[in-house]
């Protein structure tokens, strides 16, 4: 989803346009060869390693890189990055949010956790 307004002024319902913004350097245009009704496009996906390698996250794994703002969602206990210039929004997990998930799994006596 391409957001047309600032994420700092967002609410639950945002105007958007069809298509994803370009993700990391591995993202490329694609078409589904089995479905001609869906438009092709970019995935908008960022790999964790590329968030760091391409400077969106600093080497401390929590600070945002130049041009990006790191934010924290209290409900999901996860970080998200926002670039006010491009209006791009990226949600992800980092060491802080993974620790929250691990603590919850231990508290609930779960056998493990999974993230993707």
PDB file of N, CA and C in Angstrom:
ATOM      1  N   UNK A   1       0.837  -1.173   0.000  1.00  0.00           N
ATOM      2  CA  UNK A   1       0.000   0.000   0.000  1.00  0.00           C
ATOM      3  C   UNK A   1       0.884   1.239   0.000  1.00  0.00           C
ATOM      4  N   UNK A   2       0.605   2.166  -0.834  1.00  0.00           N
ATOM      5  CA  UNK A   2       1.294   3.439  -0.867  1.00  0.00           C
ATOM      6  C   UNK A   2       0.429   4.444  -0.118  1.00  0.00           C
ATOM      7  N   UNK A   3       0.937   4.947   0.989  1.00  0.00           N
ATOM      8  CA  UNK A   3       0.177   5.876   1.814  1.00  0.00           C
ATOM      9  C   UNK A   3       0.331   7.285   1.252  1.00  0.00           C
ATOM     10  N   UNK A   4      -0.782   8.002   1.159  1.00  0.00           N
ATOM     11  CA  UNK A   4      -0.761   9.338   0.590  1.00  0.00           C
ATOM     12  C   UNK A   4      -0.653  10.437   1.640  1.00  0.00           C
ATOM     13  N   UNK A   5      -0.805  10.084   2.921  1.00  0.00           N
ATOM     14  CA  UNK A   5      -0.689  11.066   3.988  1.00  0.00           C
ATOM     15  C   UNK A   5       0.428  10.653   4.926  1.00  0.00           C
ATOM     16  N   UNK A   6       0.827  11.558   5.786  1.00  0.00           N
ATOM     17  CA  UNK A   6       1.889  11.275   6.736  1.00  0.00           C
ATOM     18  C   UNK A   6       1.443  10.229   7.741  1.00  0.00           C
ATOM     19  N   UNK A   7       2.294   9.264   8.048  1.00  0.00           N
ATOM     20  CA  UNK A   7       1.963   8.250   9.051  1.00  0.00           C
ATOM     21  C   UNK A   7       1.805   8.878  10.430  1.00  0.00           C
ATOM     22  N   UNK A   8       2.372  10.049  10.644  1.00  0.00           N
ATOM     23  CA  UNK A   8       2.229  10.702  11.937  1.00  0.00           C
ATOM     24  C   UNK A   8       0.855  11.331  12.088  1.00  0.00           C
ATOM     25  N   UNK A   9       0.103  11.430  10.989  1.00  0.00           N
ATOM     26  CA  UNK A   9      -1.249  11.988  11.017  1.00  0.00           C
ATOM     27  C   UNK A   9      -2.263  10.921  10.619  1.00  0.00           C
ATOM     28  N   UNK A  10      -1.925   9.669  10.821  1.00  0.00           N
ATOM     29  CA  UNK A  10      -2.742   8.586  10.306  1.00  0.00           C
ATOM     30  C   UNK A  10      -3.896   8.240  11.232  1.00  0.00           C
ATOM     31  N   UNK A  11      -4.863   7.535  10.657  1.00  0.00           N
ATOM     32  CA  UNK A  11      -5.902   6.889  11.435  1.00  0.00           C
ATOM     33  C   UNK A  11      -6.117   5.515  10.817  1.00  0.00           C
ATOM     34  N   UNK A  12      -7.155   4.825  11.245  1.00  0.00           N
ATOM     35  CA  UNK A  12      -7.350   3.455  10.780  1.00  0.00           C
ATOM     36  C   UNK A  12      -7.610   3.380   9.282  1.00  0.00           C
ATOM     37  N   UNK A  13      -8.194   4.407   8.702  1.00  0.00           N
ATOM     38  CA  UNK A  13      -8.543   4.360   7.291  1.00  0.00           C
ATOM     39  C   UNK A  13      -7.699   5.369   6.518  1.00  0.00           C
ATOM     40  N   UNK A  14      -6.776   4.875   5.726  1.00  0.00           N
ATOM     41  CA  UNK A  14      -5.882   5.725   4.950  1.00  0.00           C
ATOM     42  C   UNK A  14      -6.200   5.609   3.472  1.00  0.00           C
ATOM     43  N   UNK A  15      -6.168   6.728   2.774  1.00  0.00           N
ATOM     44  CA  UNK A  15      -6.287   6.695   1.327  1.00  0.00           C
ATOM     45  C   UNK A  15      -5.003   6.082   0.776  1.00  0.00           C
ATOM     46  N   UNK A  16      -5.133   5.269  -0.234  1.00  0.00           N
ATOM     47  CA  UNK A  16      -3.959   4.649  -0.832  1.00  0.00           C
ATOM     48  C   UNK A  16      -4.190   4.450  -2.322  1.00  0.00           C
ATOM     49  N   UNK A  17      -3.138   4.054  -2.999  1.00  0.00           N
ATOM     50  CA  UNK A  17      -3.231   3.719  -4.414  1.00  0.00           C
ATOM     51  C   UNK A  17      -2.786   2.272  -4.581  1.00  0.00           C
ATOM     52  N   UNK A  18      -3.180   1.645  -5.673  1.00  0.00           N
ATOM     53  CA  UNK A  18      -2.797   0.259  -5.924  1.00  0.00           C
ATOM     54  C   UNK A  18      -1.304   0.196  -6.196  1.00  0.00           C
ATOM     55  N   UNK A  19      -0.669  -0.798  -5.630  1.00  0.00           N
ATOM     56  CA  UNK A  19       0.747  -1.016  -5.870  1.00  0.00           C
ATOM     57  C   UNK A  19       1.585  -0.741  -4.645  1.00  0.00           C
ATOM     58  N   UNK A  20       2.674  -1.427  -4.562  1.00  0.00           N
ATOM     59  CA  UNK A  20       3.593  -1.267  -3.445  1.00  0.00           C
ATOM     60  C   UNK A  20       4.777  -0.411  -3.875  1.00  0.00           C
ATOM     61  N   UNK A  21       5.353   0.333  -2.932  1.00  0.00           N
ATOM     62  CA  UNK A  21       6.581   1.051  -3.275  1.00  0.00           C
ATOM     63  C   UNK A  21       7.722   0.054  -3.431  1.00  0.00           C
ATOM     64  N   UNK A  22       8.796   0.457  -4.053  1.00  0.00           N
ATOM     65  CA  UNK A  22       9.961  -0.424  -4.199  1.00  0.00           C
ATOM     66  C   UNK A  22      10.500  -0.779  -2.834  1.00  0.00           C
ATOM     67  N   UNK A  23      10.743  -2.026  -2.631  1.00  0.00           N
ATOM     68  CA  UNK A  23      11.329  -2.504  -1.385  1.00  0.00           C
ATOM     69  C   UNK A  23      12.844  -2.354  -1.429  1.00  0.00           C
ATOM     70  N   UNK A  24      13.547  -3.349  -0.913  1.00  0.00           N
ATOM     71  CA  UNK A  24      15.006  -3.294  -0.858  1.00  0.00           C
ATOM     72  C   UNK A  24      15.622  -3.505  -2.242  1.00  0.00           C
ATOM     73  N   UNK A  25      16.933  -3.572  -2.278  1.00  0.00           N
ATOM     74  CA  UNK A  25      17.637  -3.693  -3.563  1.00  0.00           C
ATOM     75  C   UNK A  25      17.351  -5.013  -4.274  1.00  0.00           C
ATOM     76  N   UNK A  26      16.807  -6.003  -3.564  1.00  0.00           N
ATOM     77  CA  UNK A  26      16.457  -7.288  -4.182  1.00  0.00           C
ATOM     78  C   UNK A  26      15.053  -7.286  -4.783  1.00  0.00           C
ATOM     79  N   UNK A  27      14.250  -6.272  -4.498  1.00  0.00           N
ATOM     80  CA  UNK A  27      12.880  -6.197  -5.003  1.00  0.00           C
ATOM     81  C   UNK A  27      12.902  -5.884  -6.501  1.00  0.00           C
ATOM     82  N   UNK A  28      12.027  -6.535  -7.250  1.00  0.00           N
ATOM     83  CA  UNK A  28      11.957  -6.317  -8.699  1.00  0.00           C
ATOM     84  C   UNK A  28      10.513  -6.447  -9.167  1.00  0.00           C
ATOM     85  N   UNK A  29      10.218  -5.869 -10.302  1.00  0.00           N
ATOM     86  CA  UNK A  29       8.885  -5.948 -10.892  1.00  0.00           C
ATOM     87  C   UNK A  29       8.574  -7.400 -11.236  1.00  0.00           C
ATOM     88  N   UNK A  30       7.341  -7.815 -10.998  1.00  0.00           N
ATOM     89  CA  UNK A  30       6.930  -9.181 -11.310  1.00  0.00           C
ATOM     90  C   UNK A  30       5.515  -9.197 -11.855  1.00  0.00           C
ATOM     91  N   UNK A  31       5.200 -10.236 -12.613  1.00  0.00           N
ATOM     92  CA  UNK A  31       3.855 -10.527 -13.092  1.00  0.00           C
ATOM     93  C   UNK A  31       3.545 -11.964 -12.724  1.00  0.00           C
ATOM     94  N   UNK A  32       2.317 -12.237 -12.300  1.00  0.00           N
ATOM     95  CA  UNK A  32       1.901 -13.603 -12.014  1.00  0.00           C
ATOM     96  C   UNK A  32       1.515 -14.259 -13.337  1.00  0.00           C
ATOM     97  N   UNK A  33       2.271 -15.237 -13.804  1.00  0.00           N
ATOM     98  CA  UNK A  33       1.980 -15.850 -15.111  1.00  0.00           C
ATOM     99  C   UNK A  33       0.682 -16.651 -15.125  1.00  0.00           C
ATOM    100  N   UNK A  34       0.109 -16.953 -13.944  1.00  0.00           N
ATOM    101  CA  UNK A  34      -1.098 -17.770 -13.866  1.00  0.00           C
ATOM    102  C   UNK A  34      -2.364 -16.941 -13.632  1.00  0.00           C
ATOM    103  N   UNK A  35      -2.215 -15.635 -13.471  1.00  0.00           N
ATOM    104  CA  UNK A  35      -3.385 -14.798 -13.208  1.00  0.00           C
ATOM    105  C   UNK A  35      -3.234 -13.457 -13.913  1.00  0.00           C
ATOM    106  N   UNK A  36      -3.901 -13.302 -15.053  1.00  0.00           N
ATOM    107  CA  UNK A  36      -3.778 -12.053 -15.796  1.00  0.00           C
ATOM    108  C   UNK A  36      -4.733 -10.970 -15.276  1.00  0.00           C
ATOM    109  N   UNK A  37      -5.538 -11.276 -14.277  1.00  0.00           N
ATOM    110  CA  UNK A  37      -6.455 -10.291 -13.705  1.00  0.00           C
ATOM    111  C   UNK A  37      -5.764  -9.421 -12.659  1.00  0.00           C
ATOM    112  N   UNK A  38      -4.707  -9.922 -12.060  1.00  0.00           N
ATOM    113  CA  UNK A  38      -3.955  -9.168 -11.055  1.00  0.00           C
ATOM    114  C   UNK A  38      -2.860  -8.370 -11.754  1.00  0.00           C
ATOM    115  N   UNK A  39      -2.765  -7.075 -11.455  1.00  0.00           N
ATOM    116  CA  UNK A  39      -1.685  -6.303 -12.072  1.00  0.00           C
ATOM    117  C   UNK A  39      -0.329  -6.715 -11.498  1.00  0.00           C
ATOM    118  N   UNK A  40       0.688  -6.663 -12.305  1.00  0.00           N
ATOM    119  CA  UNK A  40       2.036  -6.930 -11.823  1.00  0.00           C
ATOM    120  C   UNK A  40       2.507  -5.761 -10.979  1.00  0.00           C
ATOM    121  N   UNK A  41       3.671  -5.910 -10.411  1.00  0.00           N
ATOM    122  CA  UNK A  41       4.196  -4.812  -9.615  1.00  0.00           C
ATOM    123  C   UNK A  41       5.374  -5.221  -8.770  1.00  0.00           C
ATOM    124  N   UNK A  42       5.717  -4.344  -7.857  1.00  0.00           N
ATOM    125  CA  UNK A  42       6.796  -4.595  -6.908  1.00  0.00           C
ATOM    126  C   UNK A  42       6.205  -5.211  -5.649  1.00  0.00           C
ATOM    127  N   UNK A  43       7.032  -5.913  -4.887  1.00  0.00           N
ATOM    128  CA  UNK A  43       6.536  -6.543  -3.658  1.00  0.00           C
ATOM    129  C   UNK A  43       6.546  -5.568  -2.485  1.00  0.00           C
ATOM    130  N   UNK A  44       7.487  -4.616  -2.483  1.00  0.00           N
ATOM    131  CA  UNK A  44       7.616  -3.708  -1.348  1.00  0.00           C
ATOM    132  C   UNK A  44       8.300  -4.339  -0.152  1.00  0.00           C
ATOM    133  N   UNK A  45       8.822  -5.541  -0.316  1.00  0.00           N
ATOM    134  CA  UNK A  45       9.402  -6.286   0.808  1.00  0.00           C
ATOM    135  C   UNK A  45      10.840  -5.859   1.076  1.00  0.00           C
ATOM    136  N   UNK A  46      11.164  -5.772   2.362  1.00  0.00           N
ATOM    137  CA  UNK A  46      12.527  -5.499   2.832  1.00  0.00           C
ATOM    138  C   UNK A  46      12.995  -6.681   3.668  1.00  0.00           C
ATOM    139  N   UNK A  47      14.133  -7.258   3.347  1.00  0.00           N
ATOM    140  CA  UNK A  47      14.753  -8.288   4.177  1.00  0.00           C
ATOM    141  C   UNK A  47      15.445  -7.596   5.356  1.00  0.00           C
ATOM    142  N   UNK A  48      15.462  -8.258   6.497  1.00  0.00           N
ATOM    143  CA  UNK A  48      16.112  -7.693   7.692  1.00  0.00           C
ATOM    144  C   UNK A  48      17.554  -7.298   7.393  1.00  0.00           C
ATOM    145  N   UNK A  49      18.287  -8.174   6.733  1.00  0.00           N
ATOM    146  CA  UNK A  49      19.697  -7.860   6.447  1.00  0.00           C
ATOM    147  C   UNK A  49      19.824  -6.625   5.567  1.00  0.00           C
ATOM    148  N   UNK A  50      18.885  -6.442   4.645  1.00  0.00           N
ATOM    149  CA  UNK A  50      18.947  -5.266   3.773  1.00  0.00           C
ATOM    150  C   UNK A  50      18.500  -3.992   4.487  1.00  0.00           C
ATOM    151  N   UNK A  51      17.632  -4.102   5.493  1.00  0.00           N
ATOM    152  CA  UNK A  51      17.307  -2.919   6.304  1.00  0.00           C
ATOM    153  C   UNK A  51      18.589  -2.360   6.909  1.00  0.00           C
ATOM    154  N   UNK A  52      19.447  -3.248   7.359  1.00  0.00           N
ATOM    155  CA  UNK A  52      20.725  -2.827   7.954  1.00  0.00           C
ATOM    156  C   UNK A  52      21.746  -2.464   6.880  1.00  0.00           C
ATOM    157  N   UNK A  53      21.900  -3.328   5.867  1.00  0.00           N
ATOM    158  CA  UNK A  53      22.910  -3.118   4.836  1.00  0.00           C
ATOM    159  C   UNK A  53      22.672  -1.828   4.045  1.00  0.00           C
ATOM    160  N   UNK A  54      21.391  -1.488   3.827  1.00  0.00           N
ATOM    161  CA  UNK A  54      21.060  -0.317   3.025  1.00  0.00           C
ATOM    162  C   UNK A  54      20.815   0.941   3.868  1.00  0.00           C
ATOM    163  N   UNK A  55      21.121   0.849   5.172  1.00  0.00           N
ATOM    164  CA  UNK A  55      21.153   2.030   6.026  1.00  0.00           C
ATOM    165  C   UNK A  55      19.843   2.494   6.634  1.00  0.00           C
ATOM    166  N   UNK A  56      18.781   1.695   6.566  1.00  0.00           N
ATOM    167  CA  UNK A  56      17.525   2.108   7.191  1.00  0.00           C
ATOM    168  C   UNK A  56      17.575   1.913   8.700  1.00  0.00           C
ATOM    169  N   UNK A  57      18.375   0.929   9.134  1.00  0.00           N
ATOM    170  CA  UNK A  57      18.598   0.683  10.560  1.00  0.00           C
ATOM    171  C   UNK A  57      20.099   0.741  10.809  1.00  0.00           C
ATOM    172  N   UNK A  58      20.478   1.387  11.889  1.00  0.00           N
ATOM    173  CA  UNK A  58      21.889   1.526  12.245  1.00  0.00           C
ATOM    174  C   UNK A  58      22.444   0.205  12.780  1.00  0.00           C
ATOM    175  N   UNK A  59      23.753   0.148  12.964  1.00  0.00           N
ATOM    176  CA  UNK A  59      24.411  -1.078  13.421  1.00  0.00           C
ATOM    177  C   UNK A  59      23.985  -1.513  14.819  1.00  0.00           C
ATOM    178  N   UNK A  60      23.425  -0.586  15.635  1.00  0.00           N
ATOM    179  CA  UNK A  60      22.946  -0.985  16.965  1.00  0.00           C
ATOM    180  C   UNK A  60      21.635  -1.770  16.883  1.00  0.00           C
ATOM    181  N   UNK A  61      21.089  -1.924  15.681  1.00  0.00           N
ATOM    182  CA  UNK A  61      19.892  -2.698  15.347  1.00  0.00           C
ATOM    183  C   UNK A  61      18.595  -2.096  15.882  1.00  0.00           C
ATOM    184  N   UNK A  62      18.641  -0.874  16.435  1.00  0.00           N
ATOM    185  CA  UNK A  62      17.402  -0.237  16.884  1.00  0.00           C
ATOM    186  C   UNK A  62      17.257   1.193  16.374  1.00  0.00           C
ATOM    187  N   UNK A  63      18.341   1.911  16.181  1.00  0.00           N
ATOM    188  CA  UNK A  63      18.258   3.301  15.726  1.00  0.00           C
ATOM    189  C   UNK A  63      17.978   3.364  14.229  1.00  0.00           C
ATOM    190  N   UNK A  64      17.154   4.342  13.849  1.00  0.00           N
ATOM    191  CA  UNK A  64      16.832   4.533  12.427  1.00  0.00           C
ATOM    192  C   UNK A  64      17.981   5.219  11.707  1.00  0.00           C
ATOM    193  N   UNK A  65      18.118   4.898  10.428  1.00  0.00           N
ATOM    194  CA  UNK A  65      19.136   5.523   9.591  1.00  0.00           C
ATOM    195  C   UNK A  65      18.686   6.900   9.124  1.00  0.00           C
ATOM    196  N   UNK A  66      19.565   7.610   8.419  1.00  0.00           N
ATOM    197  CA  UNK A  66      19.243   8.948   7.931  1.00  0.00           C
ATOM    198  C   UNK A  66      17.978   8.966   7.073  1.00  0.00           C
ATOM    199  N   UNK A  67      17.097   9.917   7.352  1.00  0.00           N
ATOM    200  CA  UNK A  67      15.862  10.058   6.599  1.00  0.00           C
ATOM    201  C   UNK A  67      14.703   9.234   7.128  1.00  0.00           C
ATOM    202  N   UNK A  68      14.964   8.349   8.083  1.00  0.00           N
ATOM    203  CA  UNK A  68      13.939   7.468   8.625  1.00  0.00           C
ATOM    204  C   UNK A  68      13.693   7.784  10.093  1.00  0.00           C
ATOM    205  N   UNK A  69      12.488   7.552  10.560  1.00  0.00           N
ATOM    206  CA  UNK A  69      12.128   7.699  11.967  1.00  0.00           C
ATOM    207  C   UNK A  69      11.694   6.337  12.489  1.00  0.00           C
ATOM    208  N   UNK A  70      12.241   5.950  13.635  1.00  0.00           N
ATOM    209  CA  UNK A  70      11.808   4.695  14.267  1.00  0.00           C
ATOM    210  C   UNK A  70      10.676   5.029  15.227  1.00  0.00           C
ATOM    211  N   UNK A  71       9.608   4.243  15.154  1.00  0.00           N
ATOM    212  CA  UNK A  71       8.456   4.413  16.023  1.00  0.00           C
ATOM    213  C   UNK A  71       8.157   3.087  16.699  1.00  0.00           C
ATOM    214  N   UNK A  72       7.375   3.137  17.768  1.00  0.00           N
ATOM    215  CA  UNK A  72       7.041   1.932  18.515  1.00  0.00           C
ATOM    216  C   UNK A  72       5.532   1.853  18.681  1.00  0.00           C
ATOM    217  N   UNK A  73       4.954   0.718  18.292  1.00  0.00           N
ATOM    218  CA  UNK A  73       3.525   0.501  18.463  1.00  0.00           C
ATOM    219  C   UNK A  73       3.290  -0.218  19.788  1.00  0.00           C
ATOM    220  N   UNK A  74       2.611   0.444  20.708  1.00  0.00           N
ATOM    221  CA  UNK A  74       2.383  -0.117  22.043  1.00  0.00           C
ATOM    222  C   UNK A  74       1.482  -1.347  22.014  1.00  0.00           C
ATOM    223  N   UNK A  75       0.535  -1.391  21.110  1.00  0.00           N
ATOM    224  CA  UNK A  75      -0.399  -2.513  21.076  1.00  0.00           C
ATOM    225  C   UNK A  75       0.287  -3.798  20.630  1.00  0.00           C
ATOM    226  N   UNK A  76       0.991  -3.746  19.517  1.00  0.00           N
ATOM    227  CA  UNK A  76       1.650  -4.954  19.004  1.00  0.00           C
ATOM    228  C   UNK A  76       3.053  -5.140  19.566  1.00  0.00           C
ATOM    229  N   UNK A  77       3.558  -4.116  20.257  1.00  0.00           N
ATOM    230  CA  UNK A  77       4.910  -4.156  20.820  1.00  0.00           C
ATOM    231  C   UNK A  77       5.951  -4.407  19.733  1.00  0.00           C
ATOM    232  N   UNK A  78       5.810  -3.676  18.624  1.00  0.00           N
ATOM    233  CA  UNK A  78       6.735  -3.805  17.504  1.00  0.00           C
ATOM    234  C   UNK A  78       7.146  -2.431  16.986  1.00  0.00           C
ATOM    235  N   UNK A  79       8.342  -2.359  16.388  1.00  0.00           N
ATOM    236  CA  UNK A  79       8.792  -1.098  15.810  1.00  0.00           C
ATOM    237  C   UNK A  79       8.284  -0.932  14.388  1.00  0.00           C
ATOM    238  N   UNK A  80       8.315   0.297  13.918  1.00  0.00           N
ATOM    239  CA  UNK A  80       8.049   0.578  12.515  1.00  0.00           C
ATOM    240  C   UNK A  80       8.853   1.795  12.113  1.00  0.00           C
ATOM    241  N   UNK A  81       9.284   1.779  10.861  1.00  0.00           N
ATOM    242  CA  UNK A  81      10.057   2.882  10.304  1.00  0.00           C
ATOM    243  C   UNK A  81       9.160   3.727   9.416  1.00  0.00           C
ATOM    244  N   UNK A  82       9.439   5.024   9.407  1.00  0.00           N
ATOM    245  CA  UNK A  82       8.685   5.929   8.560  1.00  0.00           C
ATOM    246  C   UNK A  82       9.633   6.950   7.955  1.00  0.00           C
ATOM    247  N   UNK A  83       9.492   7.155   6.654  1.00  0.00           N
ATOM    248  CA  UNK A  83      10.269   8.173   5.963  1.00  0.00           C
ATOM    249  C   UNK A  83       9.302   9.289   5.571  1.00  0.00           C
ATOM    250  N   UNK A  84       9.372  10.463   6.259  1.00  0.00           N
ATOM    251  CA  UNK A  84       8.417  11.530   5.974  1.00  0.00           C
ATOM    252  C   UNK A  84       8.530  12.096   4.562  1.00  0.00           C
ATOM    253  N   UNK A  85       9.694  11.988   3.948  1.00  0.00           N
ATOM    254  CA  UNK A  85       9.868  12.520   2.595  1.00  0.00           C
ATOM    255  C   UNK A  85       9.151  11.651   1.561  1.00  0.00           C
ATOM    256  N   UNK A  86       9.378  10.333   1.635  1.00  0.00           N
ATOM    257  CA  UNK A  86       8.763   9.416   0.670  1.00  0.00           C
ATOM    258  C   UNK A  86       7.412   8.896   1.144  1.00  0.00           C
ATOM    259  N   UNK A  87       7.115   9.097   2.425  1.00  0.00           N
ATOM    260  CA  UNK A  87       5.906   8.580   3.072  1.00  0.00           C
ATOM    261  C   UNK A  87       5.864   7.050   3.058  1.00  0.00           C
ATOM    262  N   UNK A  88       7.035   6.408   3.028  1.00  0.00           N
ATOM    263  CA  UNK A  88       7.102   4.952   3.090  1.00  0.00           C
ATOM    264  C   UNK A  88       7.088   4.506   4.545  1.00  0.00           C
ATOM    265  N   UNK A  89       6.379   3.410   4.789  1.00  0.00           N
ATOM    266  CA  UNK A  89       6.191   2.816   6.113  1.00  0.00           C
ATOM    267  C   UNK A  89       6.661   1.373   6.047  1.00  0.00           C
ATOM    268  N   UNK A  90       7.477   0.960   7.013  1.00  0.00           N
ATOM    269  CA  UNK A  90       7.970  -0.415   7.051  1.00  0.00           C
ATOM    270  C   UNK A  90       7.790  -0.947   8.463  1.00  0.00           C
ATOM    271  N   UNK A  91       7.049  -2.024   8.605  1.00  0.00           N
ATOM    272  CA  UNK A  91       6.933  -2.676   9.911  1.00  0.00           C
ATOM    273  C   UNK A  91       7.890  -3.866   9.925  1.00  0.00           C
ATOM    274  N   UNK A  92       8.414  -4.182  11.101  1.00  0.00           N
ATOM    275  CA  UNK A  92       9.417  -5.237  11.204  1.00  0.00           C
ATOM    276  C   UNK A  92       9.576  -5.632  12.668  1.00  0.00           C
ATOM    277  N   UNK A  93      10.394  -6.628  12.934  1.00  0.00           N
ATOM    278  CA  UNK A  93      10.774  -6.995  14.295  1.00  0.00           C
ATOM    279  C   UNK A  93      12.241  -6.683  14.481  1.00  0.00           C
ATOM    280  N   UNK A  94      12.595  -6.336  15.721  1.00  0.00           N
ATOM    281  CA  UNK A  94      13.989  -6.079  16.062  1.00  0.00           C
ATOM    282  C   UNK A  94      14.272  -6.782  17.391  1.00  0.00           C
ATOM    283  N   UNK A  95      15.496  -6.679  17.932  1.00  0.00           N
ATOM    284  CA  UNK A  95      15.798  -7.372  19.191  1.00  0.00           C
ATOM    285  C   UNK A  95      14.819  -7.024  20.324  1.00  0.00           C
ATOM    286  N   UNK A  96      14.379  -5.778  20.418  1.00  0.00           N
ATOM    287  CA  UNK A  96      13.452  -5.373  21.472  1.00  0.00           C
ATOM    288  C   UNK A  96      12.105  -6.085  21.333  1.00  0.00           C
ATOM    289  N   UNK A  97      11.539  -6.091  20.128  1.00  0.00           N
ATOM    290  CA  UNK A  97      10.233  -6.738  19.937  1.00  0.00           C
ATOM    291  C   UNK A  97      10.343  -8.260  20.041  1.00  0.00           C
ATOM    292  N   UNK A  98      11.455  -8.825  19.593  1.00  0.00           N
ATOM    293  CA  UNK A  98      11.636 -10.270  19.732  1.00  0.00           C
ATOM    294  C   UNK A  98      11.732 -10.669  21.197  1.00  0.00           C
ATOM    295  N   UNK A  99      12.375  -9.844  22.025  1.00  0.00           N
ATOM    296  CA  UNK A  99      12.436 -10.126  23.461  1.00  0.00           C
ATOM    297  C   UNK A  99      11.049 -10.105  24.092  1.00  0.00           C
ATOM    298  N   UNK A 100      10.193  -9.185  23.655  1.00  0.00           N
ATOM    299  CA  UNK A 100       8.812  -9.143  24.153  1.00  0.00           C
ATOM    300  C   UNK A 100       8.106 -10.454  23.808  1.00  0.00           C
ATOM    301  N   UNK A 101       8.282 -10.919  22.585  1.00  0.00           N
ATOM    302  CA  UNK A 101       7.636 -12.155  22.149  1.00  0.00           C
ATOM    303  C   UNK A 101       8.178 -13.367  22.897  1.00  0.00           C
ATOM    304  N   UNK A 102       9.471 -13.399  23.118  1.00  0.00           N
ATOM    305  CA  UNK A 102      10.077 -14.509  23.862  1.00  0.00           C
ATOM    306  C   UNK A 102       9.587 -14.508  25.305  1.00  0.00           C
ATOM    307  N   UNK A 103       9.545 -13.334  25.944  1.00  0.00           N
ATOM    308  CA  UNK A 103       9.042 -13.237  27.321  1.00  0.00           C
ATOM    309  C   UNK A 103       7.595 -13.728  27.406  1.00  0.00           C
ATOM    310  N   UNK A 104       6.778 -13.369  26.417  1.00  0.00           N
ATOM    311  CA  UNK A 104       5.389 -13.820  26.398  1.00  0.00           C
ATOM    312  C   UNK A 104       5.319 -15.339  26.247  1.00  0.00           C
ATOM    313  N   UNK A 105       6.121 -15.902  25.367  1.00  0.00           N
ATOM    314  CA  UNK A 105       6.126 -17.355  25.163  1.00  0.00           C
ATOM    315  C   UNK A 105       6.541 -18.075  26.444  1.00  0.00           C
ATOM    316  N   UNK A 106       7.548 -17.538  27.131  1.00  0.00           N
ATOM    317  CA  UNK A 106       7.990 -18.144  28.398  1.00  0.00           C
ATOM    318  C   UNK A 106       6.901 -18.029  29.461  1.00  0.00           C
ATOM    319  N   UNK A 107       6.254 -16.888  29.537  1.00  0.00           N
ATOM    320  CA  UNK A 107       5.191 -16.658  30.517  1.00  0.00           C
ATOM    321  C   UNK A 107       4.018 -17.612  30.292  1.00  0.00           C
ATOM    322  N   UNK A 108       3.690 -17.870  29.047  1.00  0.00           N
ATOM    323  CA  UNK A 108       2.578 -18.761  28.703  1.00  0.00           C
ATOM    324  C   UNK A 108       3.002 -20.225  28.629  1.00  0.00           C
ATOM    325  N   UNK A 109       4.295 -20.483  28.890  1.00  0.00           N
ATOM    326  CA  UNK A 109       4.848 -21.840  28.841  1.00  0.00           C
ATOM    327  C   UNK A 109       4.647 -22.471  27.470  1.00  0.00           C
ATOM    328  N   UNK A 110       4.863 -21.666  26.413  1.00  0.00           N
ATOM    329  CA  UNK A 110       4.748 -22.171  25.046  1.00  0.00           C
ATOM    330  C   UNK A 110       6.028 -22.909  24.666  1.00  0.00           C
ATOM    331  N   UNK A 111       5.919 -23.798  23.712  1.00  0.00           N
ATOM    332  CA  UNK A 111       7.056 -24.598  23.296  1.00  0.00           C
ATOM    333  C   UNK A 111       8.018 -23.846  22.379  1.00  0.00           C
ATOM    334  N   UNK A 112       7.586 -22.718  21.818  1.00  0.00           N
ATOM    335  CA  UNK A 112       8.456 -21.974  20.917  1.00  0.00           C
ATOM    336  C   UNK A 112       7.724 -20.797  20.310  1.00  0.00           C
ATOM    337  N   UNK A 113       8.421 -20.088  19.452  1.00  0.00           N
ATOM    338  CA  UNK A 113       7.840 -18.935  18.754  1.00  0.00           C
ATOM    339  C   UNK A 113       8.223 -19.011  17.285  1.00  0.00           C
ATOM    340  N   UNK A 114       7.500 -18.249  16.459  1.00  0.00           N
ATOM    341  CA  UNK A 114       7.817 -18.190  15.037  1.00  0.00           C
ATOM    342  C   UNK A 114       7.598 -16.765  14.556  1.00  0.00           C
ATOM    343  N   UNK A 115       8.499 -16.284  13.715  1.00  0.00           N
ATOM    344  CA  UNK A 115       8.327 -14.980  13.083  1.00  0.00           C
ATOM    345  C   UNK A 115       8.626 -15.133  11.594  1.00  0.00           C
ATOM    346  N   UNK A 116       8.054 -14.272  10.794  1.00  0.00           N
ATOM    347  CA  UNK A 116       8.353 -14.258   9.360  1.00  0.00           C
ATOM    348  C   UNK A 116       8.295 -12.866   8.846  1.00  0.00           C
TER     349      UNK A 116
END
